[in-house]
Amino acid sequence: MTEEEYPGPRLIETSAPCPPLARLPKLPVRVLVLSREGDQGEERRRLASRLARLADELGVGAGVRVAAHSFTDWAHLGEGLEPGRYDAVFFSDTDLPGAYDDPSEPADGLLDALFLLLADSETRFIVLQPPSGGAVDRRDALCLRLADRGSPPAVVVPQGWAEGDADTFVETLFERILHDWPLARAVTDAAGHRTPRVTIFQPPGRRHGLDLGRLLENHRRRIEEGGSALRSFLRELEAARPEEESGPWHDIAGQASQRQEELDAVKADVEEINRDRDPAGWSRLVESIARLNRWEEGLERARAALEATRGAAP
């Protein structure tokens, strides 16, 4: 089969595991676009605004945050960047400095700075657009060196595509990823039959991409555990029933049915999110997780209040 007929990306499996991929995803999805100050590509500098606009068109709302950061020197690319988690990092500038003793390799200072940035940000994947015309392409060498240290998957957009294809690919990939497609599948669909093929440097494991479905399943598990905890609490409440149903016990018991209704409402929301599986659902999932957190805190307060009534009993 020729490269023109091959539908998928070029996968390079790496051996070092990437710790952030084993962790439970978090919401909102945080995306970072990195570019170098003085970059002549005006369209590249607008990548962050295009991704933010796309997220808004998809109705994702509070489920996604897109940030942009410009740097002057690759060895200090994280200086001035707001610290925190960045699930995906898009590099709109990849004119990488070469090593002093081997111009085909990226500079050691760049490797150190980039690895620390990705590790501190708990990044789940990166996307590197092509360097500007005439620049030495050191992206493959960079990704191999980062992979040896346990970096996240890297998507390398090839040189040689028609003008505008790289930007179209990135935007389509971003949309597919927000639909929670696995990374390789999202890349394949976004690239279509364009050649040369996209390259993915992929660490071991199967959880590549945002993996938000895993967060949804964890949320559903917590809801089921909450139902079990509520049933246990109701049994404790019944066992502590006083002869005269008044005072603090009566107040606690009066809220029991409301707690079940609140939990049922959270469960109904999650079933709808799971059925739709569209980007707008991630914003609703942020709100649903917050509601469940408040519900769990309320149940703990009710348990503490019930325990206090036992301690106050004569």
C-alpha atoms as a PDB file:
ATOM      1  CA  MET A   1       0.000   0.000   0.000  1.00  0.00           C
ATOM      2  CA  THR A   2       1.409   3.399  -0.968  1.00  0.00           C
ATOM      3  CA  GLU A   3       1.505   6.440   1.284  1.00  0.00           C
ATOM      4  CA  GLU A   4      -1.199   8.050  -0.878  1.00  0.00           C
ATOM      5  CA  GLU A   5      -3.518   5.102  -0.204  1.00  0.00           C
ATOM      6  CA  TYR A   6      -2.735   4.790   3.514  1.00  0.00           C
ATOM      7  CA  PRO A   7      -5.551   6.435   5.494  1.00  0.00           C
ATOM      8  CA  GLY A   8      -4.009   6.743   8.948  1.00  0.00           C
ATOM      9  CA  PRO A   9      -1.217   8.686  10.619  1.00  0.00           C
ATOM     10  CA  ARG A  10       2.318   7.432  11.059  1.00  0.00           C
ATOM     11  CA  LEU A  11       2.403   6.049  14.607  1.00  0.00           C
ATOM     12  CA  ILE A  12       5.677   5.915  16.500  1.00  0.00           C
ATOM     13  CA  GLU A  13       5.234   3.966  19.716  1.00  0.00           C
ATOM     14  CA  THR A  14       7.468   5.139  22.552  1.00  0.00           C
ATOM     15  CA  SER A  15       8.414   3.138  25.629  1.00  0.00           C
ATOM     16  CA  ALA A  16       8.355   5.588  28.563  1.00  0.00           C
ATOM     17  CA  PRO A  17       4.897   5.984  30.197  1.00  0.00           C
ATOM     18  CA  CYS A  18       3.376   9.437  30.554  1.00  0.00           C
ATOM     19  CA  PRO A  19       2.140   9.934  34.165  1.00  0.00           C
ATOM     20  CA  PRO A  20      -0.618  12.519  33.417  1.00  0.00           C
ATOM     21  CA  LEU A  21      -2.398  10.024  31.136  1.00  0.00           C
ATOM     22  CA  ALA A  22      -2.956   7.686  34.091  1.00  0.00           C
ATOM     23  CA  ARG A  23      -4.677  10.401  36.121  1.00  0.00           C
ATOM     24  CA  LEU A  24      -8.382  11.109  36.068  1.00  0.00           C
ATOM     25  CA  PRO A  25      -9.138  13.971  33.632  1.00  0.00           C
ATOM     26  CA  LYS A  26     -10.467  17.249  34.969  1.00  0.00           C
ATOM     27  CA  LEU A  27     -12.835  19.907  33.719  1.00  0.00           C
ATOM     28  CA  PRO A  28     -12.874  22.473  32.308  1.00  0.00           C
ATOM     29  CA  VAL A  29     -10.594  21.437  29.449  1.00  0.00           C
ATOM     30  CA  ARG A  30      -7.687  23.891  29.414  1.00  0.00           C
ATOM     31  CA  VAL A  31      -5.927  24.561  26.116  1.00  0.00           C
ATOM     32  CA  LEU A  32      -2.735  26.553  25.630  1.00  0.00           C
ATOM     33  CA  VAL A  33      -1.466  28.059  22.377  1.00  0.00           C
ATOM     34  CA  LEU A  34       2.249  28.920  22.423  1.00  0.00           C
ATOM     35  CA  SER A  35       3.862  31.263  19.922  1.00  0.00           C
ATOM     36  CA  ARG A  36       7.070  33.233  19.828  1.00  0.00           C
ATOM     37  CA  GLU A  37       7.061  37.000  19.954  1.00  0.00           C
ATOM     38  CA  GLY A  38       7.999  38.520  16.632  1.00  0.00           C
ATOM     39  CA  ASP A  39       6.591  35.605  14.639  1.00  0.00           C
ATOM     40  CA  GLN A  40       5.818  36.864  11.137  1.00  0.00           C
ATOM     41  CA  GLY A  41       2.834  34.543  10.646  1.00  0.00           C
ATOM     42  CA  GLU A  42      -0.162  36.703  11.555  1.00  0.00           C
ATOM     43  CA  GLU A  43      -2.573  33.780  11.078  1.00  0.00           C
ATOM     44  CA  ARG A  44      -0.573  31.672  13.490  1.00  0.00           C
ATOM     45  CA  ARG A  45      -0.884  34.299  16.182  1.00  0.00           C
ATOM     46  CA  ARG A  46      -4.636  34.103  15.753  1.00  0.00           C
ATOM     47  CA  LEU A  47      -4.814  30.364  16.420  1.00  0.00           C
ATOM     48  CA  ALA A  48      -5.939  30.806  20.031  1.00  0.00           C
ATOM     49  CA  SER A  49      -8.814  33.076  19.061  1.00  0.00           C
ATOM     50  CA  ARG A  50      -9.904  30.655  16.315  1.00  0.00           C
ATOM     51  CA  LEU A  51      -9.954  27.722  18.750  1.00  0.00           C
ATOM     52  CA  ALA A  52     -11.845  29.781  21.319  1.00  0.00           C
ATOM     53  CA  ARG A  53     -14.382  30.799  18.684  1.00  0.00           C
ATOM     54  CA  LEU A  54     -14.806  27.187  17.585  1.00  0.00           C
ATOM     55  CA  ALA A  55     -15.406  26.087  21.175  1.00  0.00           C
ATOM     56  CA  ASP A  56     -18.015  28.832  21.502  1.00  0.00           C
ATOM     57  CA  GLU A  57     -19.741  27.685  18.286  1.00  0.00           C
ATOM     58  CA  LEU A  58     -19.871  24.140  19.659  1.00  0.00           C
ATOM     59  CA  GLY A  59     -21.647  25.469  22.742  1.00  0.00           C
ATOM     60  CA  VAL A  60     -19.044  24.133  25.106  1.00  0.00           C
ATOM     61  CA  GLY A  61     -19.278  27.176  27.385  1.00  0.00           C
ATOM     62  CA  ALA A  62     -17.588  26.674  30.759  1.00  0.00           C
ATOM     63  CA  GLY A  63     -16.289  23.280  29.617  1.00  0.00           C
ATOM     64  CA  VAL A  64     -13.261  24.714  27.766  1.00  0.00           C
ATOM     65  CA  ARG A  65     -10.774  27.496  28.429  1.00  0.00           C
ATOM     66  CA  VAL A  66      -8.319  28.603  25.722  1.00  0.00           C
ATOM     67  CA  ALA A  67      -5.234  30.613  26.697  1.00  0.00           C
ATOM     68  CA  ALA A  68      -2.463  32.115  24.580  1.00  0.00           C
ATOM     69  CA  HIS A  69       1.116  32.809  25.606  1.00  0.00           C
ATOM     70  CA  SER A  70       3.954  34.425  23.676  1.00  0.00           C
ATOM     71  CA  PHE A  71       7.601  33.966  24.602  1.00  0.00           C
ATOM     72  CA  THR A  72      10.843  35.534  23.481  1.00  0.00           C
ATOM     73  CA  ASP A  73      13.249  32.654  24.090  1.00  0.00           C
ATOM     74  CA  TRP A  74      12.605  28.904  23.813  1.00  0.00           C
ATOM     75  CA  ALA A  75      14.702  28.143  26.885  1.00  0.00           C
ATOM     76  CA  HIS A  76      12.370  30.351  28.948  1.00  0.00           C
ATOM     77  CA  LEU A  77       9.075  29.705  27.195  1.00  0.00           C
ATOM     78  CA  GLY A  78       7.173  29.270  30.470  1.00  0.00           C
ATOM     79  CA  GLU A  79       8.186  32.594  31.996  1.00  0.00           C
ATOM     80  CA  GLY A  80       5.175  34.805  32.568  1.00  0.00           C
ATOM     81  CA  LEU A  81       2.745  31.979  31.823  1.00  0.00           C
ATOM     82  CA  GLU A  82      -0.113  31.595  34.282  1.00  0.00           C
ATOM     83  CA  PRO A  83       0.653  28.344  36.144  1.00  0.00           C
ATOM     84  CA  GLY A  84      -1.844  25.530  36.169  1.00  0.00           C
ATOM     85  CA  ARG A  85      -3.120  22.589  34.174  1.00  0.00           C
ATOM     86  CA  TYR A  86      -3.099  22.674  30.360  1.00  0.00           C
ATOM     87  CA  ASP A  87      -4.576  19.495  28.899  1.00  0.00           C
ATOM     88  CA  ALA A  88      -3.534  20.299  25.322  1.00  0.00           C
ATOM     89  CA  VAL A  89      -0.722  22.527  24.107  1.00  0.00           C
ATOM     90  CA  PHE A  90      -0.675  23.779  20.520  1.00  0.00           C
ATOM     91  CA  PHE A  91       2.631  25.120  19.187  1.00  0.00           C
ATOM     92  CA  SER A  92       1.976  27.608  16.426  1.00  0.00           C
ATOM     93  CA  ASP A  93       5.703  28.353  16.115  1.00  0.00           C
ATOM     94  CA  THR A  94       8.172  25.473  15.737  1.00  0.00           C
ATOM     95  CA  ASP A  95      11.327  27.189  14.477  1.00  0.00           C
ATOM     96  CA  LEU A  96      13.313  25.335  17.131  1.00  0.00           C
ATOM     97  CA  PRO A  97      16.910  26.280  18.034  1.00  0.00           C
ATOM     98  CA  GLY A  98      19.525  23.635  17.281  1.00  0.00           C
ATOM     99  CA  ALA A  99      22.051  22.058  19.610  1.00  0.00           C
ATOM    100  CA  TYR A 100      25.536  23.557  19.588  1.00  0.00           C
ATOM    101  CA  ASP A 101      27.275  20.299  18.683  1.00  0.00           C
ATOM    102  CA  ASP A 102      24.574  18.904  16.345  1.00  0.00           C
ATOM    103  CA  PRO A 103      22.372  21.361  14.425  1.00  0.00           C
ATOM    104  CA  SER A 104      19.918  18.556  13.540  1.00  0.00           C
ATOM    105  CA  GLU A 105      19.035  18.151  17.229  1.00  0.00           C
ATOM    106  CA  PRO A 106      17.055  20.623  19.372  1.00  0.00           C
ATOM    107  CA  ALA A 107      18.962  22.609  21.965  1.00  0.00           C
ATOM    108  CA  ASP A 108      19.289  21.014  25.406  1.00  0.00           C
ATOM    109  CA  GLY A 109      17.854  24.094  27.116  1.00  0.00           C
ATOM    110  CA  LEU A 110      14.731  23.808  24.976  1.00  0.00           C
ATOM    111  CA  LEU A 111      14.264  20.138  25.918  1.00  0.00           C
ATOM    112  CA  ASP A 112      14.566  20.893  29.621  1.00  0.00           C
ATOM    113  CA  ALA A 113      12.232  23.894  29.539  1.00  0.00           C
ATOM    114  CA  LEU A 114       9.597  22.150  27.454  1.00  0.00           C
ATOM    115  CA  PHE A 115       9.603  18.933  29.483  1.00  0.00           C
ATOM    116  CA  LEU A 116       9.197  20.861  32.736  1.00  0.00           C
ATOM    117  CA  LEU A 117       6.356  22.899  31.268  1.00  0.00           C
ATOM    118  CA  LEU A 118       4.474  19.810  30.077  1.00  0.00           C
ATOM    119  CA  ALA A 119       5.036  17.918  33.335  1.00  0.00           C
ATOM    120  CA  ASP A 120       3.944  20.838  35.522  1.00  0.00           C
ATOM    121  CA  SER A 121       0.891  21.428  33.328  1.00  0.00           C
ATOM    122  CA  GLU A 122      -0.213  17.751  33.381  1.00  0.00           C
ATOM    123  CA  THR A 123      -0.489  17.968  29.586  1.00  0.00           C
ATOM    124  CA  ARG A 124      -2.266  15.082  27.842  1.00  0.00           C
ATOM    125  CA  PHE A 125      -1.101  15.819  24.279  1.00  0.00           C
ATOM    126  CA  ILE A 126       0.693  18.431  22.180  1.00  0.00           C
ATOM    127  CA  VAL A 127       0.330  19.532  18.554  1.00  0.00           C
ATOM    128  CA  LEU A 128       3.231  21.010  16.596  1.00  0.00           C
ATOM    129  CA  GLN A 129       2.540  22.938  13.404  1.00  0.00           C
ATOM    130  CA  PRO A 130       5.224  23.089  10.675  1.00  0.00           C
ATOM    131  CA  PRO A 131       8.148  25.533  10.984  1.00  0.00           C
ATOM    132  CA  SER A 132       8.260  28.552   8.727  1.00  0.00           C
ATOM    133  CA  GLY A 133       9.604  28.129   5.205  1.00  0.00           C
ATOM    134  CA  GLY A 134      13.305  27.376   5.049  1.00  0.00           C
ATOM    135  CA  ALA A 135      13.730  26.626   8.766  1.00  0.00           C
ATOM    136  CA  VAL A 136      15.341  23.347   9.809  1.00  0.00           C
ATOM    137  CA  ASP A 137      12.647  20.942  10.980  1.00  0.00           C
ATOM    138  CA  ARG A 138      13.758  19.527  14.347  1.00  0.00           C
ATOM    139  CA  ARG A 139      10.307  18.448  15.576  1.00  0.00           C
ATOM    140  CA  ASP A 140      10.797  14.678  15.184  1.00  0.00           C
ATOM    141  CA  ALA A 141      14.087  14.838  17.057  1.00  0.00           C
ATOM    142  CA  LEU A 142      12.416  16.949  19.748  1.00  0.00           C
ATOM    143  CA  CYS A 143       9.529  14.495  20.171  1.00  0.00           C
ATOM    144  CA  LEU A 144      11.859  11.497  20.395  1.00  0.00           C
ATOM    145  CA  ARG A 145      13.950  13.165  23.104  1.00  0.00           C
ATOM    146  CA  LEU A 146      10.850  14.207  25.037  1.00  0.00           C
ATOM    147  CA  ALA A 147       9.403  10.698  24.700  1.00  0.00           C
ATOM    148  CA  ASP A 148      12.465   9.254  26.395  1.00  0.00           C
ATOM    149  CA  ARG A 149      11.540  11.353  29.429  1.00  0.00           C
ATOM    150  CA  GLY A 150       7.880  10.291  29.532  1.00  0.00           C
ATOM    151  CA  SER A 151       6.255  13.173  27.684  1.00  0.00           C
ATOM    152  CA  PRO A 152       2.626  13.150  26.438  1.00  0.00           C
ATOM    153  CA  PRO A 153       1.620  12.155  22.896  1.00  0.00           C
ATOM    154  CA  ALA A 154       2.827  14.548  20.220  1.00  0.00           C
ATOM    155  CA  VAL A 155       1.050  15.250  16.928  1.00  0.00           C
ATOM    156  CA  VAL A 156       3.455  16.516  14.260  1.00  0.00           C
ATOM    157  CA  VAL A 157       1.734  18.269  11.349  1.00  0.00           C
ATOM    158  CA  PRO A 158       3.853  17.618   8.250  1.00  0.00           C
ATOM    159  CA  GLN A 159       5.443  20.132   5.938  1.00  0.00           C
ATOM    160  CA  GLY A 160       4.367  20.078   2.308  1.00  0.00           C
ATOM    161  CA  TRP A 161       0.624  20.472   2.685  1.00  0.00           C
ATOM    162  CA  ALA A 162      -1.244  23.070   0.653  1.00  0.00           C
ATOM    163  CA  GLU A 163      -1.539  26.546   2.132  1.00  0.00           C
ATOM    164  CA  GLY A 164      -4.132  26.653   4.893  1.00  0.00           C
ATOM    165  CA  ASP A 165      -4.339  22.871   5.289  1.00  0.00           C
ATOM    166  CA  ALA A 166      -2.382  22.842   8.544  1.00  0.00           C
ATOM    167  CA  ASP A 167      -4.757  25.368  10.135  1.00  0.00           C
ATOM    168  CA  THR A 168      -7.808  23.460   8.882  1.00  0.00           C
ATOM    169  CA  PHE A 169      -6.372  20.241  10.276  1.00  0.00           C
ATOM    170  CA  VAL A 170      -5.762  21.761  13.716  1.00  0.00           C
ATOM    171  CA  GLU A 171      -9.269  23.177  13.944  1.00  0.00           C
ATOM    172  CA  THR A 172     -10.878  19.899  12.853  1.00  0.00           C
ATOM    173  CA  LEU A 173      -8.679  17.954  15.270  1.00  0.00           C
ATOM    174  CA  PHE A 174      -9.723  20.299  18.077  1.00  0.00           C
ATOM    175  CA  GLU A 175     -13.397  19.717  17.275  1.00  0.00           C
ATOM    176  CA  ARG A 176     -13.005  15.917  17.180  1.00  0.00           C
ATOM    177  CA  ILE A 177     -11.078  15.960  20.446  1.00  0.00           C
ATOM    178  CA  LEU A 178     -13.898  17.939  22.087  1.00  0.00           C
ATOM    179  CA  HIS A 179     -16.212  15.153  20.947  1.00  0.00           C
ATOM    180  CA  ASP A 180     -13.877  12.920  23.024  1.00  0.00           C
ATOM    181  CA  TRP A 181     -12.498  10.937  20.111  1.00  0.00           C
ATOM    182  CA  PRO A 182      -9.329   8.940  20.798  1.00  0.00           C
ATOM    183  CA  LEU A 183      -6.308  10.883  19.591  1.00  0.00           C
ATOM    184  CA  ALA A 184      -5.292   8.617  16.681  1.00  0.00           C
ATOM    185  CA  ARG A 185      -8.856   8.458  15.374  1.00  0.00           C
ATOM    186  CA  ALA A 186      -9.251  12.238  15.643  1.00  0.00           C
ATOM    187  CA  VAL A 187      -5.970  12.800  13.789  1.00  0.00           C
ATOM    188  CA  THR A 188      -6.947  10.337  11.058  1.00  0.00           C
ATOM    189  CA  ASP A 189     -10.287  12.024  10.473  1.00  0.00           C
ATOM    190  CA  ALA A 190      -8.862  15.552  10.572  1.00  0.00           C
ATOM    191  CA  ALA A 191      -6.043  14.738   8.142  1.00  0.00           C
ATOM    192  CA  GLY A 192      -8.232  12.918   5.632  1.00  0.00           C
ATOM    193  CA  HIS A 193      -6.171  11.778   2.645  1.00  0.00           C
ATOM    194  CA  ARG A 194      -3.641  14.594   2.814  1.00  0.00           C
ATOM    195  CA  THR A 195      -0.020  13.625   2.314  1.00  0.00           C
ATOM    196  CA  PRO A 196       2.599  13.550   3.676  1.00  0.00           C
ATOM    197  CA  ARG A 197       0.989  11.839   6.669  1.00  0.00           C
ATOM    198  CA  VAL A 198       0.738  13.252  10.169  1.00  0.00           C
ATOM    199  CA  THR A 199       3.076  11.648  12.706  1.00  0.00           C
ATOM    200  CA  ILE A 200       1.993  10.745  16.245  1.00  0.00           C
ATOM    201  CA  PHE A 201       4.600   9.975  18.901  1.00  0.00           C
ATOM    202  CA  GLN A 202       2.546   7.885  21.301  1.00  0.00           C
ATOM    203  CA  PRO A 203       3.523   6.512  24.736  1.00  0.00           C
ATOM    204  CA  PRO A 204       2.295   3.086  25.870  1.00  0.00           C
ATOM    205  CA  GLY A 205      -1.291   2.622  26.944  1.00  0.00           C
ATOM    206  CA  ARG A 206      -4.723   3.203  25.438  1.00  0.00           C
ATOM    207  CA  ARG A 207      -5.768   6.472  27.054  1.00  0.00           C
ATOM    208  CA  HIS A 208      -4.693   8.988  24.429  1.00  0.00           C
ATOM    209  CA  GLY A 209      -6.681  12.183  24.010  1.00  0.00           C
ATOM    210  CA  LEU A 210      -8.721  14.103  26.545  1.00  0.00           C
ATOM    211  CA  ASP A 211     -10.280  10.850  27.837  1.00  0.00           C
ATOM    212  CA  LEU A 212     -13.288  12.763  29.177  1.00  0.00           C
ATOM    213  CA  GLY A 213     -15.500   9.686  28.978  1.00  0.00           C
ATOM    214  CA  ARG A 214     -13.467   8.333  31.863  1.00  0.00           C
ATOM    215  CA  LEU A 215     -14.384  11.381  33.929  1.00  0.00           C
ATOM    216  CA  LEU A 216     -18.036  10.861  33.047  1.00  0.00           C
ATOM    217  CA  GLU A 217     -17.878   7.226  34.167  1.00  0.00           C
ATOM    218  CA  ASN A 218     -16.205   8.255  37.422  1.00  0.00           C
ATOM    219  CA  HIS A 219     -18.976  10.785  37.999  1.00  0.00           C
ATOM    220  CA  ARG A 220     -21.621   8.110  37.452  1.00  0.00           C
ATOM    221  CA  ARG A 221     -19.808   5.818  39.898  1.00  0.00           C
ATOM    222  CA  ARG A 222     -19.822   8.574  42.524  1.00  0.00           C
ATOM    223  CA  ILE A 223     -23.557   9.025  42.028  1.00  0.00           C
ATOM    224  CA  GLU A 224     -24.138   5.301  42.638  1.00  0.00           C
ATOM    225  CA  GLU A 225     -21.938   5.431  45.724  1.00  0.00           C
ATOM    226  CA  GLY A 226     -23.897   8.488  46.867  1.00  0.00           C
ATOM    227  CA  GLY A 227     -27.131   6.508  46.552  1.00  0.00           C
ATOM    228  CA  SER A 228     -25.685   3.724  48.701  1.00  0.00           C
ATOM    229  CA  ALA A 229     -24.442   6.241  51.264  1.00  0.00           C
ATOM    230  CA  LEU A 230     -27.869   7.889  51.411  1.00  0.00           C
ATOM    231  CA  ARG A 231     -29.628   4.546  51.984  1.00  0.00           C
ATOM    232  CA  SER A 232     -27.181   3.773  54.770  1.00  0.00           C
ATOM    233  CA  PHE A 233     -27.814   7.189  56.312  1.00  0.00           C
ATOM    234  CA  LEU A 234     -31.580   6.701  56.175  1.00  0.00           C
ATOM    235  CA  ARG A 235     -31.212   3.413  58.063  1.00  0.00           C
ATOM    236  CA  GLU A 236     -29.108   5.159  60.697  1.00  0.00           C
ATOM    237  CA  LEU A 237     -31.667   7.940  60.853  1.00  0.00           C
ATOM    238  CA  GLU A 238     -34.507   5.478  61.405  1.00  0.00           C
ATOM    239  CA  ALA A 239     -32.529   3.650  64.099  1.00  0.00           C
ATOM    240  CA  ALA A 240     -32.004   6.930  65.937  1.00  0.00           C
ATOM    241  CA  ARG A 241     -35.690   7.932  65.798  1.00  0.00           C
ATOM    242  CA  PRO A 242     -36.698   9.369  69.204  1.00  0.00           C
ATOM    243  CA  GLU A 243     -40.025   8.691  70.866  1.00  0.00           C
ATOM    244  CA  GLU A 244     -41.048  12.255  70.176  1.00  0.00           C
ATOM    245  CA  GLU A 245     -40.247  13.172  66.565  1.00  0.00           C
ATOM    246  CA  SER A 246     -39.258  16.744  67.236  1.00  0.00           C
ATOM    247  CA  GLY A 247     -36.200  18.846  67.696  1.00  0.00           C
ATOM    248  CA  PRO A 248     -32.958  18.312  65.728  1.00  0.00           C
ATOM    249  CA  TRP A 249     -33.876  14.759  64.628  1.00  0.00           C
ATOM    250  CA  HIS A 250     -37.091  16.014  63.065  1.00  0.00           C
ATOM    251  CA  ASP A 251     -35.200  18.727  61.144  1.00  0.00           C
ATOM    252  CA  ILE A 252     -32.684  16.193  59.811  1.00  0.00           C
ATOM    253  CA  ALA A 253     -35.403  13.738  58.799  1.00  0.00           C
ATOM    254  CA  GLY A 254     -37.340  16.475  57.035  1.00  0.00           C
ATOM    255  CA  GLN A 255     -34.468  16.974  54.572  1.00  0.00           C
ATOM    256  CA  ALA A 256     -34.046  13.282  53.732  1.00  0.00           C
ATOM    257  CA  SER A 257     -36.551  13.132  50.870  1.00  0.00           C
ATOM    258  CA  GLN A 258     -35.108  16.325  49.430  1.00  0.00           C
ATOM    259  CA  ARG A 259     -31.653  14.746  49.337  1.00  0.00           C
ATOM    260  CA  GLN A 260     -32.974  11.819  47.304  1.00  0.00           C
ATOM    261  CA  GLU A 261     -34.681  14.191  44.868  1.00  0.00           C
ATOM    262  CA  GLU A 262     -31.474  16.179  44.436  1.00  0.00           C
ATOM    263  CA  LEU A 263     -29.447  13.045  43.755  1.00  0.00           C
ATOM    264  CA  ASP A 264     -32.032  11.789  41.257  1.00  0.00           C
ATOM    265  CA  ALA A 265     -31.811  15.119  39.419  1.00  0.00           C
ATOM    266  CA  VAL A 266     -28.022  14.863  39.168  1.00  0.00           C
ATOM    267  CA  LYS A 267     -28.338  11.297  37.867  1.00  0.00           C
ATOM    268  CA  ALA A 268     -30.878  12.359  35.227  1.00  0.00           C
ATOM    269  CA  ASP A 269     -28.543  15.121  34.017  1.00  0.00           C
ATOM    270  CA  VAL A 270     -25.671  12.672  33.668  1.00  0.00           C
ATOM    271  CA  GLU A 271     -27.752  10.227  31.663  1.00  0.00           C
ATOM    272  CA  GLU A 272     -28.578  13.023  29.235  1.00  0.00           C
ATOM    273  CA  ILE A 273     -24.913  14.041  28.963  1.00  0.00           C
ATOM    274  CA  ASN A 274     -23.899  10.434  28.368  1.00  0.00           C
ATOM    275  CA  ARG A 275     -26.550  10.005  25.682  1.00  0.00           C
ATOM    276  CA  ASP A 276     -25.601  13.162  23.767  1.00  0.00           C
ATOM    277  CA  ARG A 277     -21.792  12.977  24.120  1.00  0.00           C
ATOM    278  CA  ASP A 278     -21.406  16.382  22.462  1.00  0.00           C
ATOM    279  CA  PRO A 279     -18.981  19.169  23.453  1.00  0.00           C
ATOM    280  CA  ALA A 280     -21.732  21.179  25.124  1.00  0.00           C
ATOM    281  CA  GLY A 281     -22.093  18.295  27.558  1.00  0.00           C
ATOM    282  CA  TRP A 282     -18.716  19.005  29.112  1.00  0.00           C
ATOM    283  CA  SER A 283     -19.976  22.368  30.319  1.00  0.00           C
ATOM    284  CA  ARG A 284     -23.009  20.630  31.825  1.00  0.00           C
ATOM    285  CA  LEU A 285     -20.728  18.038  33.370  1.00  0.00           C
ATOM    286  CA  VAL A 286     -18.752  20.812  35.125  1.00  0.00           C
ATOM    287  CA  GLU A 287     -22.007  21.991  36.686  1.00  0.00           C
ATOM    288  CA  SER A 288     -23.135  18.440  37.498  1.00  0.00           C
ATOM    289  CA  ILE A 289     -19.883  17.621  39.284  1.00  0.00           C
ATOM    290  CA  ALA A 290     -20.214  20.823  41.300  1.00  0.00           C
ATOM    291  CA  ARG A 291     -23.797  19.860  42.240  1.00  0.00           C
ATOM    292  CA  LEU A 292     -22.682  16.395  43.332  1.00  0.00           C
ATOM    293  CA  ASN A 293     -19.861  17.899  45.402  1.00  0.00           C
ATOM    294  CA  ARG A 294     -22.379  20.117  47.210  1.00  0.00           C
ATOM    295  CA  TRP A 295     -24.720  17.160  47.685  1.00  0.00           C
ATOM    296  CA  GLU A 296     -21.949  15.026  49.216  1.00  0.00           C
ATOM    297  CA  GLU A 297     -20.963  17.868  51.539  1.00  0.00           C
ATOM    298  CA  GLY A 298     -24.605  18.249  52.594  1.00  0.00           C
ATOM    299  CA  LEU A 299     -24.902  14.538  53.387  1.00  0.00           C
ATOM    300  CA  GLU A 300     -21.738  14.693  55.484  1.00  0.00           C
ATOM    301  CA  ARG A 301     -23.152  17.632  57.429  1.00  0.00           C
ATOM    302  CA  ALA A 302     -26.372  15.672  57.993  1.00  0.00           C
ATOM    303  CA  ARG A 303     -24.356  12.702  59.281  1.00  0.00           C
ATOM    304  CA  ALA A 304     -22.466  14.974  61.653  1.00  0.00           C
ATOM    305  CA  ALA A 305     -25.739  16.533  62.868  1.00  0.00           C
ATOM    306  CA  LEU A 306     -27.257  13.082  63.453  1.00  0.00           C
ATOM    307  CA  GLU A 307     -24.172  12.018  65.392  1.00  0.00           C
ATOM    308  CA  ALA A 308     -24.487  15.175  67.485  1.00  0.00           C
ATOM    309  CA  THR A 309     -28.064  14.258  68.419  1.00  0.00           C
ATOM    310  CA  ARG A 310     -26.850  10.880  69.630  1.00  0.00           C
ATOM    311  CA  GLY A 311     -24.201  12.526  71.771  1.00  0.00           C
ATOM    312  CA  ALA A 312     -26.782  14.869  73.253  1.00  0.00           C
ATOM    313  CA  ALA A 313     -29.251  12.076  74.062  1.00  0.00           C
ATOM    314  CA  PRO A 314     -29.761  11.512  77.844  1.00  0.00           C
END
